[in-house]
C-alpha atoms as a PDB file:
ATOM      1  CA  MET A   1      25.735 109.720 173.910  1.00  0.00           C
ATOM      2  CA  VAL A   2      25.837 112.487 171.313  1.00  0.00           C
ATOM      3  CA  ILE A   3      29.592 112.891 171.807  1.00  0.00           C
ATOM      4  CA  LEU A   4      30.106 109.166 171.226  1.00  0.00           C
ATOM      5  CA  GLN A   5      28.045 109.355 168.032  1.00  0.00           C
ATOM      6  CA  VAL A   6      30.144 112.271 166.742  1.00  0.00           C
ATOM      7  CA  VAL A   7      33.373 110.395 167.539  1.00  0.00           C
ATOM      8  CA  VAL A   8      32.160 107.306 165.664  1.00  0.00           C
ATOM      9  CA  GLU A   9      31.103 109.463 162.690  1.00  0.00           C
ATOM     10  CA  VAL A  10      34.573 111.050 162.569  1.00  0.00           C
ATOM     11  CA  ILE A  11      36.212 107.605 162.734  1.00  0.00           C
ATOM     12  CA  LEU A  12      33.922 106.447 159.918  1.00  0.00           C
ATOM     13  CA  ALA A  13      34.836 109.427 157.740  1.00  0.00           C
ATOM     14  CA  ILE A  14      38.582 108.995 158.315  1.00  0.00           C
ATOM     15  CA  THR A  15      38.523 105.255 157.677  1.00  0.00           C
ATOM     16  CA  SER A  16      36.453 105.765 154.519  1.00  0.00           C
ATOM     17  CA  LEU A  17      39.026 108.153 153.085  1.00  0.00           C
ATOM     18  CA  LEU A  18      41.951 105.949 154.101  1.00  0.00           C
ATOM     19  CA  LEU A  19      40.304 102.848 152.645  1.00  0.00           C
ATOM     20  CA  THR A  20      39.799 104.632 149.338  1.00  0.00           C
ATOM     21  CA  LEU A  21      43.449 105.660 149.277  1.00  0.00           C
ATOM     22  CA  LEU A  22      44.744 102.208 150.219  1.00  0.00           C
ATOM     23  CA  ILE A  23      42.569 100.430 147.673  1.00  0.00           C
ATOM     24  CA  LEU A  24      43.842 102.737 144.954  1.00  0.00           C
ATOM     25  CA  LEU A  25      47.423 101.934 145.974  1.00  0.00           C
ATOM     26  CA  HIS A  26      46.955  98.211 145.301  1.00  0.00           C
ATOM     27  CA  LYS A  27      48.616  96.818 142.218  1.00  0.00           C
ATOM     28  CA  GLY A  28      46.237  95.829 139.424  1.00  0.00           C
ATOM     29  CA  ARG A  29      46.067  92.117 138.697  1.00  0.00           C
ATOM     30  CA  GLY A  30      45.269  92.594 135.027  1.00  0.00           C
ATOM     31  CA  GLY A  31      42.260  91.732 132.921  1.00  0.00           C
ATOM     32  CA  GLY A  32      39.925  94.056 134.752  1.00  0.00           C
ATOM     33  CA  VAL A  33      38.847  97.655 134.745  1.00  0.00           C
ATOM     34  CA  SER A  34      42.323  98.692 135.913  1.00  0.00           C
ATOM     35  CA  ASP A  35      43.734  97.701 132.497  1.00  0.00           C
ATOM     36  CA  MET A  36      41.230  99.927 130.779  1.00  0.00           C
ATOM     37  CA  PHE A  37      42.617 102.987 132.557  1.00  0.00           C
ATOM     38  CA  GLY A  38      46.301 102.111 132.266  1.00  0.00           C
ATOM     39  CA  GLY A  39      46.593 100.001 135.402  1.00  0.00           C
ATOM     40  CA  GLY A  40      48.238  97.200 133.446  1.00  0.00           C
ATOM     41  CA  MET A  41      51.479  99.149 133.068  1.00  0.00           C
ATOM     42  CA  SER A  42      54.314  98.075 135.322  1.00  0.00           C
ATOM     43  CA  SER A  43      54.893 100.289 138.316  1.00  0.00           C
ATOM     44  CA  THR A  44      57.635 100.404 140.904  1.00  0.00           C
ATOM     45  CA  LEU A  45      55.109 101.123 143.639  1.00  0.00           C
ATOM     46  CA  GLY A  46      54.045  97.864 145.258  1.00  0.00           C
ATOM     47  CA  SER A  47      56.505  95.756 143.295  1.00  0.00           C
ATOM     48  CA  SER A  48      57.895  94.266 146.498  1.00  0.00           C
ATOM     49  CA  GLY A  49      56.083  91.217 147.840  1.00  0.00           C
ATOM     50  CA  VAL A  50      56.502  92.342 151.455  1.00  0.00           C
ATOM     51  CA  ALA A  51      55.114  95.791 150.711  1.00  0.00           C
ATOM     52  CA  GLU A  52      52.094  94.300 148.965  1.00  0.00           C
ATOM     53  CA  ARG A  53      51.398  91.918 151.875  1.00  0.00           C
ATOM     54  CA  ASN A  54      51.663  94.765 154.393  1.00  0.00           C
ATOM     55  CA  LEU A  55      49.335  96.889 152.262  1.00  0.00           C
ATOM     56  CA  ASN A  56      46.861  94.000 152.201  1.00  0.00           C
ATOM     57  CA  ARG A  57      47.026  93.580 155.985  1.00  0.00           C
ATOM     58  CA  ILE A  58      46.554  97.290 156.650  1.00  0.00           C
ATOM     59  CA  THR A  59      43.625  97.404 154.215  1.00  0.00           C
ATOM     60  CA  VAL A  60      41.905  94.432 155.866  1.00  0.00           C
ATOM     61  CA  ILE A  61      42.383  95.849 159.380  1.00  0.00           C
ATOM     62  CA  LEU A  62      41.115  99.253 158.288  1.00  0.00           C
ATOM     63  CA  GLY A  63      38.143  97.573 156.601  1.00  0.00           C
ATOM     64  CA  LEU A  64      37.266  95.804 159.844  1.00  0.00           C
ATOM     65  CA  VAL A  65      37.447  99.099 161.754  1.00  0.00           C
ATOM     66  CA  TRP A  66      35.217 100.649 159.076  1.00  0.00           C
ATOM     67  CA  VAL A  67      32.604  97.860 159.419  1.00  0.00           C
ATOM     68  CA  ALA A  68      32.744  98.040 163.231  1.00  0.00           C
ATOM     69  CA  SER A  69      32.159 101.790 163.155  1.00  0.00           C
ATOM     70  CA  ILE A  70      29.161 101.369 160.846  1.00  0.00           C
ATOM     71  CA  ILE A  71      27.651  98.740 163.158  1.00  0.00           C
ATOM     72  CA  THR A  72      28.339 100.905 166.223  1.00  0.00           C
ATOM     73  CA  LEU A  73      26.776 103.938 164.573  1.00  0.00           C
ATOM     74  CA  GLY A  74      23.713 101.892 163.629  1.00  0.00           C
ATOM     75  CA  LEU A  75      23.294 100.581 167.166  1.00  0.00           C
ATOM     76  CA  LEU A  76      23.726 104.064 168.629  1.00  0.00           C
ATOM     77  CA  THR A  77      21.093 105.436 166.271  1.00  0.00           C
ATOM     78  CA  LYS A  78      18.705 102.593 167.083  1.00  0.00           C
ATOM     79  CA  PHE A  79      18.988 102.811 170.869  1.00  0.00           C
ATOM     80  CA  MET A  80      19.067 106.606 171.139  1.00  0.00           C
ATOM     81  CA  GLY A  81      15.439 106.636 170.086  1.00  0.00           C
ATOM     82  CA  ALA A  82      16.003 108.660 166.956  1.00  0.00           C
END
């Protein structure tokens, strides 16, 4: 069971870092905090509609994996008697 817990913790750490990176890659919509830090400027990255949709899909899937790993880690901690 300890090996499974370590594997889930590693998956959680990797997905956390990837989620941070993917969220930062999203194009700012304007009018928010992203404009305050220069996010309102036009950028070639993410200017394609297909690329933005794929980035959204990957972010949502990775977010679901992240939530599933948190739930799994919580259940493992609860039932291991820790």
